[in-house]
Amino acid sequence: DAVSEKLELFYEEHNGLRDMLAVLTSRGNKE
């Protein structure tokens, strides 16, 4: 629970990262 909470916080704080990851994964799938 503590790790999940930290990951959620980290994930929320780095919301931009999610977008970048989504872009990267979509490019990798296209290539």
Full PDB file with SEQRES, HELIX, SHEET, SSBOND, CRYST1, ORIGX, SCALE, CONECT and MASTER records, all heavy atoms in Angstrom:
SEQRES   1 A   31  ASP ALA VAL SER GLU LYS LEU GLU LEU PHE TYR GLU GLU          
SEQRES   2 A   31  HIS ASN GLY LEU ARG ASP MET LEU ALA VAL LEU THR SER          
SEQRES   3 A   31  ARG GLY ASN LYS GLU                                          
HELIX    1 AA1 ALA A    2  GLU A   13  1                                  12    
HELIX    2 AA2 ASN A   15  LYS A   30  1                                  16    
CRYST1    1.000    1.000    1.000  90.00  90.00  90.00 P 1           1          
ORIGX1      1.000000  0.000000  0.000000        0.00000                         
ORIGX2      0.000000  1.000000  0.000000        0.00000                         
ORIGX3      0.000000  0.000000  1.000000        0.00000                         
SCALE1      1.000000  0.000000  0.000000        0.00000                         
SCALE2      0.000000  1.000000  0.000000        0.00000                         
SCALE3      0.000000  0.000000  1.000000        0.00000                         
ATOM      1  N   ASP A   1       0.839  -1.202   0.000  1.00  0.00           N  
ATOM      2  CA  ASP A   1       0.000   0.000   0.000  1.00  0.00           C  
ATOM      3  C   ASP A   1       0.875   1.253   0.000  1.00  0.00           C  
ATOM      4  O   ASP A   1       0.592   2.219  -0.722  1.00  0.00           O  
ATOM      5  CB  ASP A   1      -0.941   0.016   1.218  1.00  0.00           C  
ATOM      6  CG  ASP A   1      -2.057  -1.010   1.092  1.00  0.00           C  
ATOM      7  OD1 ASP A   1      -2.292  -1.529  -0.028  1.00  0.00           O  
ATOM      8  OD2 ASP A   1      -2.693  -1.326   2.133  1.00  0.00           O  
ATOM      9  N   ALA A   2       1.940   1.224   0.797  1.00  0.00           N  
ATOM     10  CA  ALA A   2       2.836   2.377   0.863  1.00  0.00           C  
ATOM     11  C   ALA A   2       3.521   2.566  -0.482  1.00  0.00           C  
ATOM     12  O   ALA A   2       3.641   3.700  -0.991  1.00  0.00           O  
ATOM     13  CB  ALA A   2       3.874   2.182   1.968  1.00  0.00           C  
ATOM     14  N   VAL A   3       3.994   1.497  -1.077  1.00  0.00           N  
ATOM     15  CA  VAL A   3       4.668   1.588  -2.380  1.00  0.00           C  
ATOM     16  C   VAL A   3       3.672   2.057  -3.437  1.00  0.00           C  
ATOM     17  O   VAL A   3       3.991   2.913  -4.272  1.00  0.00           O  
ATOM     18  CB  VAL A   3       5.302   0.222  -2.759  1.00  0.00           C  
ATOM     19  CG1 VAL A   3       5.735   0.196  -4.205  1.00  0.00           C  
ATOM     20  CG2 VAL A   3       6.469  -0.091  -1.845  1.00  0.00           C  
ATOM     21  N   SER A   4       2.462   1.495  -3.401  1.00  0.00           N  
ATOM     22  CA  SER A   4       1.445   1.901  -4.384  1.00  0.00           C  
ATOM     23  C   SER A   4       1.128   3.382  -4.244  1.00  0.00           C  
ATOM     24  O   SER A   4       0.981   4.105  -5.240  1.00  0.00           O  
ATOM     25  CB  SER A   4       0.160   1.096  -4.197  1.00  0.00           C  
ATOM     26  OG  SER A   4       0.389  -0.240  -4.537  1.00  0.00           O  
ATOM     27  N   GLU A   5       1.022   3.813  -3.022  1.00  0.00           N  
ATOM     28  CA  GLU A   5       0.722   5.217  -2.776  1.00  0.00           C  
ATOM     29  C   GLU A   5       1.853   6.099  -3.299  1.00  0.00           C  
ATOM     30  O   GLU A   5       1.616   7.122  -3.943  1.00  0.00           O  
ATOM     31  CB  GLU A   5       0.528   5.435  -1.269  1.00  0.00           C  
ATOM     32  CG  GLU A   5      -0.003   6.799  -0.921  1.00  0.00           C  
ATOM     33  CD  GLU A   5      -0.227   6.939   0.566  1.00  0.00           C  
ATOM     34  OE1 GLU A   5      -0.834   6.035   1.174  1.00  0.00           O  
ATOM     35  OE2 GLU A   5       0.218   7.956   1.120  1.00  0.00           O  
ATOM     36  N   LYS A   6       3.085   5.694  -3.049  1.00  0.00           N  
ATOM     37  CA  LYS A   6       4.224   6.469  -3.529  1.00  0.00           C  
ATOM     38  C   LYS A   6       4.260   6.478  -5.054  1.00  0.00           C  
ATOM     39  O   LYS A   6       4.567   7.488  -5.683  1.00  0.00           O  
ATOM     40  CB  LYS A   6       5.527   5.900  -2.985  1.00  0.00           C  
ATOM     41  CG  LYS A   6       5.743   6.225  -1.524  1.00  0.00           C  
ATOM     42  CD  LYS A   6       7.059   5.654  -1.047  1.00  0.00           C  
ATOM     43  CE  LYS A   6       7.259   5.912   0.431  1.00  0.00           C  
ATOM     44  NZ  LYS A   6       8.489   5.337   0.934  1.00  0.00           N  
ATOM     45  N   LEU A   7       3.959   5.316  -5.638  1.00  0.00           N  
ATOM     46  CA  LEU A   7       3.942   5.255  -7.107  1.00  0.00           C  
ATOM     47  C   LEU A   7       2.846   6.152  -7.677  1.00  0.00           C  
ATOM     48  O   LEU A   7       3.048   6.821  -8.692  1.00  0.00           O  
ATOM     49  CB  LEU A   7       3.736   3.815  -7.587  1.00  0.00           C  
ATOM     50  CG  LEU A   7       4.952   2.908  -7.529  1.00  0.00           C  
ATOM     51  CD1 LEU A   7       4.552   1.480  -7.889  1.00  0.00           C  
ATOM     52  CD2 LEU A   7       6.022   3.390  -8.472  1.00  0.00           C  
ATOM     53  N   GLU A   8       1.708   6.158  -7.041  1.00  0.00           N  
ATOM     54  CA  GLU A   8       0.610   7.021  -7.489  1.00  0.00           C  
ATOM     55  C   GLU A   8       1.009   8.488  -7.384  1.00  0.00           C  
ATOM     56  O   GLU A   8       0.769   9.270  -8.304  1.00  0.00           O  
ATOM     57  CB  GLU A   8      -0.650   6.786  -6.649  1.00  0.00           C  
ATOM     58  CG  GLU A   8      -1.447   5.583  -7.044  1.00  0.00           C  
ATOM     59  CD  GLU A   8      -2.030   5.693  -8.444  1.00  0.00           C  
ATOM     60  OE1 GLU A   8      -2.491   6.767  -8.867  1.00  0.00           O  
ATOM     61  OE2 GLU A   8      -1.983   4.665  -9.139  1.00  0.00           O  
ATOM     62  N   LEU A   9       1.632   8.819  -6.267  1.00  0.00           N  
ATOM     63  CA  LEU A   9       2.085  10.189  -6.096  1.00  0.00           C  
ATOM     64  C   LEU A   9       3.120  10.538  -7.160  1.00  0.00           C  
ATOM     65  O   LEU A   9       3.076  11.602  -7.756  1.00  0.00           O  
ATOM     66  CB  LEU A   9       2.700  10.399  -4.703  1.00  0.00           C  
ATOM     67  CG  LEU A   9       1.706  10.550  -3.560  1.00  0.00           C  
ATOM     68  CD1 LEU A   9       2.466  10.597  -2.231  1.00  0.00           C  
ATOM     69  CD2 LEU A   9       0.911  11.825  -3.717  1.00  0.00           C  
ATOM     70  N   PHE A  10       4.066   9.639  -7.343  1.00  0.00           N  
ATOM     71  CA  PHE A  10       5.090   9.857  -8.334  1.00  0.00           C  
ATOM     72  C   PHE A  10       4.456   9.990  -9.715  1.00  0.00           C  
ATOM     73  O   PHE A  10       4.827  10.849 -10.509  1.00  0.00           O  
ATOM     74  CB  PHE A  10       6.094   8.689  -8.297  1.00  0.00           C  
ATOM     75  CG  PHE A  10       7.199   8.827  -9.272  1.00  0.00           C  
ATOM     76  CD1 PHE A  10       8.265   9.696  -9.019  1.00  0.00           C  
ATOM     77  CD2 PHE A  10       7.200   8.133 -10.484  1.00  0.00           C  
ATOM     78  CE1 PHE A  10       9.286   9.830  -9.934  1.00  0.00           C  
ATOM     79  CE2 PHE A  10       8.227   8.270 -11.378  1.00  0.00           C  
ATOM     80  CZ  PHE A  10       9.280   9.112 -11.114  1.00  0.00           C  
ATOM     81  N   TYR A  11       3.519   9.160  -9.978  1.00  0.00           N  
ATOM     82  CA  TYR A  11       2.850   9.148 -11.268  1.00  0.00           C  
ATOM     83  C   TYR A  11       2.054  10.438 -11.457  1.00  0.00           C  
ATOM     84  O   TYR A  11       2.076  11.021 -12.525  1.00  0.00           O  
ATOM     85  CB  TYR A  11       1.940   7.919 -11.328  1.00  0.00           C  
ATOM     86  CG  TYR A  11       1.356   7.631 -12.676  1.00  0.00           C  
ATOM     87  CD1 TYR A  11       2.166   7.297 -13.746  1.00  0.00           C  
ATOM     88  CD2 TYR A  11      -0.025   7.705 -12.899  1.00  0.00           C  
ATOM     89  CE1 TYR A  11       1.618   7.038 -14.977  1.00  0.00           C  
ATOM     90  CE2 TYR A  11      -0.567   7.444 -14.129  1.00  0.00           C  
ATOM     91  CZ  TYR A  11       0.261   7.093 -15.160  1.00  0.00           C  
ATOM     92  OH  TYR A  11      -0.267   6.824 -16.390  1.00  0.00           O  
ATOM     93  N   GLU A  12       1.396  10.874 -10.438  1.00  0.00           N  
ATOM     94  CA  GLU A  12       0.627  12.111 -10.523  1.00  0.00           C  
ATOM     95  C   GLU A  12       1.552  13.319 -10.651  1.00  0.00           C  
ATOM     96  O   GLU A  12       1.258  14.256 -11.378  1.00  0.00           O  
ATOM     97  CB  GLU A  12      -0.272  12.281  -9.292  1.00  0.00           C  
ATOM     98  CG  GLU A  12      -1.468  11.379  -9.318  1.00  0.00           C  
ATOM     99  CD  GLU A  12      -2.303  11.501  -8.058  1.00  0.00           C  
ATOM    100  OE1 GLU A  12      -2.128  12.454  -7.274  1.00  0.00           O  
ATOM    101  OE2 GLU A  12      -3.131  10.615  -7.859  1.00  0.00           O  
ATOM    102  N   GLU A  13       2.644  13.305  -9.944  1.00  0.00           N  
ATOM    103  CA  GLU A  13       3.580  14.412 -10.019  1.00  0.00           C  
ATOM    104  C   GLU A  13       4.238  14.464 -11.393  1.00  0.00           C  
ATOM    105  O   GLU A  13       4.599  15.519 -11.875  1.00  0.00           O  
ATOM    106  CB  GLU A  13       4.671  14.274  -8.947  1.00  0.00           C  
ATOM    107  CG  GLU A  13       4.182  14.580  -7.559  1.00  0.00           C  
ATOM    108  CD  GLU A  13       5.254  14.355  -6.516  1.00  0.00           C  
ATOM    109  OE1 GLU A  13       6.417  14.010  -6.860  1.00  0.00           O  
ATOM    110  OE2 GLU A  13       4.929  14.512  -5.339  1.00  0.00           O  
ATOM    111  N   HIS A  14       4.396  13.391 -11.943  1.00  0.00           N  
ATOM    112  CA  HIS A  14       5.054  13.341 -13.245  1.00  0.00           C  
ATOM    113  C   HIS A  14       4.057  12.952 -14.312  1.00  0.00           C  
ATOM    114  O   HIS A  14       4.265  12.024 -15.081  1.00  0.00           O  
ATOM    115  CB  HIS A  14       6.228  12.355 -13.203  1.00  0.00           C  
ATOM    116  CG  HIS A  14       7.258  12.732 -12.213  1.00  0.00           C  
ATOM    117  ND1 HIS A  14       7.191  12.414 -10.899  1.00  0.00           N  
ATOM    118  CD2 HIS A  14       8.401  13.465 -12.355  1.00  0.00           C  
ATOM    119  CE1 HIS A  14       8.238  12.884 -10.264  1.00  0.00           C  
ATOM    120  NE2 HIS A  14       8.987  13.558 -11.156  1.00  0.00           N  
ATOM    121  N   ASN A  15       2.988  13.697 -14.380  1.00  0.00           N  
ATOM    122  CA  ASN A  15       1.908  13.446 -15.319  1.00  0.00           C  
ATOM    123  C   ASN A  15       2.425  13.619 -16.743  1.00  0.00           C  
ATOM    124  O   ASN A  15       1.985  12.920 -17.653  1.00  0.00           O  
ATOM    125  CB  ASN A  15       0.761  14.407 -15.044  1.00  0.00           C  
ATOM    126  CG  ASN A  15      -0.561  13.846 -15.505  1.00  0.00           C  
ATOM    127  OD1 ASN A  15      -0.626  12.719 -15.965  1.00  0.00           O  
ATOM    128  ND2 ASN A  15      -1.576  14.639 -15.397  1.00  0.00           N  
ATOM    129  N   GLY A  16       3.324  14.476 -16.918  1.00  0.00           N  
ATOM    130  CA  GLY A  16       3.898  14.717 -18.230  1.00  0.00           C  
ATOM    131  C   GLY A  16       4.633  13.484 -18.709  1.00  0.00           C  
ATOM    132  O   GLY A  16       4.733  13.219 -19.907  1.00  0.00           O  
ATOM    133  N   LEU A  17       5.138  12.806 -17.829  1.00  0.00           N  
ATOM    134  CA  LEU A  17       5.846  11.582 -18.185  1.00  0.00           C  
ATOM    135  C   LEU A  17       4.905  10.592 -18.827  1.00  0.00           C  
ATOM    136  O   LEU A  17       5.285   9.874 -19.740  1.00  0.00           O  
ATOM    137  CB  LEU A  17       6.431  10.945 -16.916  1.00  0.00           C  
ATOM    138  CG  LEU A  17       7.918  11.159 -16.747  1.00  0.00           C  
ATOM    139  CD1 LEU A  17       8.302  11.014 -15.292  1.00  0.00           C  
ATOM    140  CD2 LEU A  17       8.686  10.182 -17.553  1.00  0.00           C  
ATOM    141  N   ARG A  18       3.698  10.580 -18.347  1.00  0.00           N  
ATOM    142  CA  ARG A  18       2.719   9.650 -18.889  1.00  0.00           C  
ATOM    143  C   ARG A  18       2.482   9.951 -20.364  1.00  0.00           C  
ATOM    144  O   ARG A  18       2.428   9.050 -21.189  1.00  0.00           O  
ATOM    145  CB  ARG A  18       1.416   9.785 -18.118  1.00  0.00           C  
ATOM    146  CG  ARG A  18       0.463   8.674 -18.415  1.00  0.00           C  
ATOM    147  CD  ARG A  18      -0.867   8.792 -17.766  1.00  0.00           C  
ATOM    148  NE  ARG A  18      -0.846   9.146 -16.359  1.00  0.00           N  
ATOM    149  CZ  ARG A  18      -1.901   9.435 -15.656  1.00  0.00           C  
ATOM    150  NH1 ARG A  18      -3.094   9.420 -16.187  1.00  0.00           N  
ATOM    151  NH2 ARG A  18      -1.825   9.760 -14.422  1.00  0.00           N  
ATOM    152  N   ASP A  19       2.397  11.202 -20.639  1.00  0.00           N  
ATOM    153  CA  ASP A  19       2.174  11.583 -22.015  1.00  0.00           C  
ATOM    154  C   ASP A  19       3.367  11.195 -22.870  1.00  0.00           C  
ATOM    155  O   ASP A  19       3.225  10.707 -23.990  1.00  0.00           O  
ATOM    156  CB  ASP A  19       1.922  13.108 -22.129  1.00  0.00           C  
ATOM    157  CG  ASP A  19       0.602  13.508 -21.479  1.00  0.00           C  
ATOM    158  OD1 ASP A  19      -0.281  12.607 -21.340  1.00  0.00           O  
ATOM    159  OD2 ASP A  19       0.470  14.661 -21.083  1.00  0.00           O  
ATOM    160  N   MET A  20       4.544  11.402 -22.345  1.00  0.00           N  
ATOM    161  CA  MET A  20       5.749  11.053 -23.080  1.00  0.00           C  
ATOM    162  C   MET A  20       5.831   9.545 -23.287  1.00  0.00           C  
ATOM    163  O   MET A  20       6.226   9.076 -24.356  1.00  0.00           O  
ATOM    164  CB  MET A  20       7.004  11.523 -22.317  1.00  0.00           C  
ATOM    165  CG  MET A  20       7.237  12.971 -22.578  1.00  0.00           C  
ATOM    166  SD  MET A  20       8.641  13.743 -21.785  1.00  0.00           S  
ATOM    167  CE  MET A  20       9.841  12.703 -21.423  1.00  0.00           C  
ATOM    168  N   LEU A  21       5.464   8.869 -22.325  1.00  0.00           N  
ATOM    169  CA  LEU A  21       5.503   7.415 -22.428  1.00  0.00           C  
ATOM    170  C   LEU A  21       4.491   6.945 -23.454  1.00  0.00           C  
ATOM    171  O   LEU A  21       4.757   6.024 -24.223  1.00  0.00           O  
ATOM    172  CB  LEU A  21       5.218   6.747 -21.071  1.00  0.00           C  
ATOM    173  CG  LEU A  21       6.359   6.708 -20.088  1.00  0.00           C  
ATOM    174  CD1 LEU A  21       5.892   6.157 -18.749  1.00  0.00           C  
ATOM    175  CD2 LEU A  21       7.482   5.863 -20.600  1.00  0.00           C  
ATOM    176  N   ALA A  22       3.372   7.577 -23.453  1.00  0.00           N  
ATOM    177  CA  ALA A  22       2.347   7.176 -24.397  1.00  0.00           C  
ATOM    178  C   ALA A  22       2.821   7.448 -25.805  1.00  0.00           C  
ATOM    179  O   ALA A  22       2.615   6.654 -26.718  1.00  0.00           O  
ATOM    180  CB  ALA A  22       1.064   7.923 -24.111  1.00  0.00           C  
ATOM    181  N   VAL A  23       3.496   8.578 -26.020  1.00  0.00           N  
ATOM    182  CA  VAL A  23       3.989   8.940 -27.334  1.00  0.00           C  
ATOM    183  C   VAL A  23       5.076   7.947 -27.733  1.00  0.00           C  
ATOM    184  O   VAL A  23       5.123   7.492 -28.878  1.00  0.00           O  
ATOM    185  CB  VAL A  23       4.520  10.388 -27.328  1.00  0.00           C  
ATOM    186  CG1 VAL A  23       5.253  10.739 -28.604  1.00  0.00           C  
ATOM    187  CG2 VAL A  23       3.384  11.353 -27.109  1.00  0.00           C  
ATOM    188  N   LEU A  24       5.953   7.630 -26.818  1.00  0.00           N  
ATOM    189  CA  LEU A  24       7.060   6.720 -27.118  1.00  0.00           C  
ATOM    190  C   LEU A  24       6.551   5.332 -27.448  1.00  0.00           C  
ATOM    191  O   LEU A  24       7.057   4.682 -28.361  1.00  0.00           O  
ATOM    192  CB  LEU A  24       8.036   6.633 -25.943  1.00  0.00           C  
ATOM    193  CG  LEU A  24       8.972   7.831 -25.788  1.00  0.00           C  
ATOM    194  CD1 LEU A  24       9.803   7.656 -24.524  1.00  0.00           C  
ATOM    195  CD2 LEU A  24       9.894   7.953 -26.968  1.00  0.00           C  
ATOM    196  N   THR A  25       5.607   4.892 -26.726  1.00  0.00           N  
ATOM    197  CA  THR A  25       5.086   3.562 -26.998  1.00  0.00           C  
ATOM    198  C   THR A  25       4.317   3.533 -28.302  1.00  0.00           C  
ATOM    199  O   THR A  25       4.344   2.533 -29.019  1.00  0.00           O  
ATOM    200  CB  THR A  25       4.152   3.074 -25.872  1.00  0.00           C  
ATOM    201  OG1 THR A  25       3.301   4.077 -25.463  1.00  0.00           O  
ATOM    202  CG2 THR A  25       4.934   2.514 -24.728  1.00  0.00           C  
ATOM    203  N   SER A  26       3.655   4.642 -28.656  1.00  0.00           N  
ATOM    204  CA  SER A  26       2.931   4.642 -29.909  1.00  0.00           C  
ATOM    205  C   SER A  26       3.915   4.700 -31.069  1.00  0.00           C  
ATOM    206  O   SER A  26       3.676   4.084 -32.117  1.00  0.00           O  
ATOM    207  CB  SER A  26       1.928   5.788 -29.980  1.00  0.00           C  
ATOM    208  OG  SER A  26       2.578   7.021 -29.901  1.00  0.00           O  
ATOM    209  N   ARG A  27       5.033   5.370 -30.962  1.00  0.00           N  
ATOM    210  CA  ARG A  27       6.038   5.399 -32.007  1.00  0.00           C  
ATOM    211  C   ARG A  27       6.683   4.039 -32.191  1.00  0.00           C  
ATOM    212  O   ARG A  27       6.960   3.625 -33.300  1.00  0.00           O  
ATOM    213  CB  ARG A  27       7.142   6.391 -31.640  1.00  0.00           C  
ATOM    214  CG  ARG A  27       6.879   7.764 -32.073  1.00  0.00           C  
ATOM    215  CD  ARG A  27       8.150   8.512 -31.922  1.00  0.00           C  
ATOM    216  NE  ARG A  27       7.892   9.910 -31.744  1.00  0.00           N  
ATOM    217  CZ  ARG A  27       8.755  10.784 -31.400  1.00  0.00           C  
ATOM    218  NH1 ARG A  27       9.968  10.441 -31.103  1.00  0.00           N  
ATOM    219  NH2 ARG A  27       8.447  12.030 -31.342  1.00  0.00           N  
ATOM    220  N   GLY A  28       6.953   3.377 -31.048  1.00  0.00           N  
ATOM    221  CA  GLY A  28       7.593   2.071 -31.114  1.00  0.00           C  
ATOM    222  C   GLY A  28       6.695   1.061 -31.785  1.00  0.00           C  
ATOM    223  O   GLY A  28       7.151   0.172 -32.493  1.00  0.00           O  
ATOM    224  N   ASN A  29       5.408   1.269 -31.646  1.00  0.00           N  
ATOM    225  CA  ASN A  29       4.473   0.328 -32.234  1.00  0.00           C  
ATOM    226  C   ASN A  29       4.356   0.578 -33.733  1.00  0.00           C  
ATOM    227  O   ASN A  29       4.117  -0.330 -34.497  1.00  0.00           O  
ATOM    228  CB  ASN A  29       3.075   0.453 -31.597  1.00  0.00           C  
ATOM    229  CG  ASN A  29       3.036  -0.123 -30.214  1.00  0.00           C  
ATOM    230  OD1 ASN A  29       3.886  -0.944 -29.880  1.00  0.00           O  
ATOM    231  ND2 ASN A  29       2.094   0.339 -29.415  1.00  0.00           N  
ATOM    232  N   LYS A  30       4.572   1.867 -34.141  1.00  0.00           N  
ATOM    233  CA  LYS A  30       4.468   2.212 -35.541  1.00  0.00           C  
ATOM    234  C   LYS A  30       5.697   1.752 -36.292  1.00  0.00           C  
ATOM    235  O   LYS A  30       5.643   1.414 -37.460  1.00  0.00           O  
ATOM    236  CB  LYS A  30       4.296   3.731 -35.746  1.00  0.00           C  
ATOM    237  CG  LYS A  30       2.977   4.224 -35.293  1.00  0.00           C  
ATOM    238  CD  LYS A  30       2.902   5.684 -35.538  1.00  0.00           C  
ATOM    239  CE  LYS A  30       1.643   6.284 -35.009  1.00  0.00           C  
ATOM    240  NZ  LYS A  30       1.494   7.666 -35.181  1.00  0.00           N  
ATOM    241  N   GLU A  31       6.769   1.793 -35.714  1.00  0.00           N  
ATOM    242  CA  GLU A  31       8.001   1.438 -36.398  1.00  0.00           C  
ATOM    243  C   GLU A  31       8.108  -0.009 -36.423  1.00  0.00           C  
ATOM    244  O   GLU A  31       8.265  -0.881 -36.990  1.00  0.00           O  
ATOM    245  CB  GLU A  31       9.200   2.005 -35.668  1.00  0.00           C  
ATOM    246  CG  GLU A  31       9.268   3.453 -35.750  1.00  0.00           C  
ATOM    247  CD  GLU A  31      10.454   3.959 -34.976  1.00  0.00           C  
ATOM    248  OE1 GLU A  31      11.330   3.200 -34.556  1.00  0.00           O  
ATOM    249  OE2 GLU A  31      10.517   5.131 -34.797  1.00  0.00           O  
TER     250      GLU A  31                                                      
MASTER        0    0    0    2    0    0    0    6  249    1    0    3          
END                                                                             
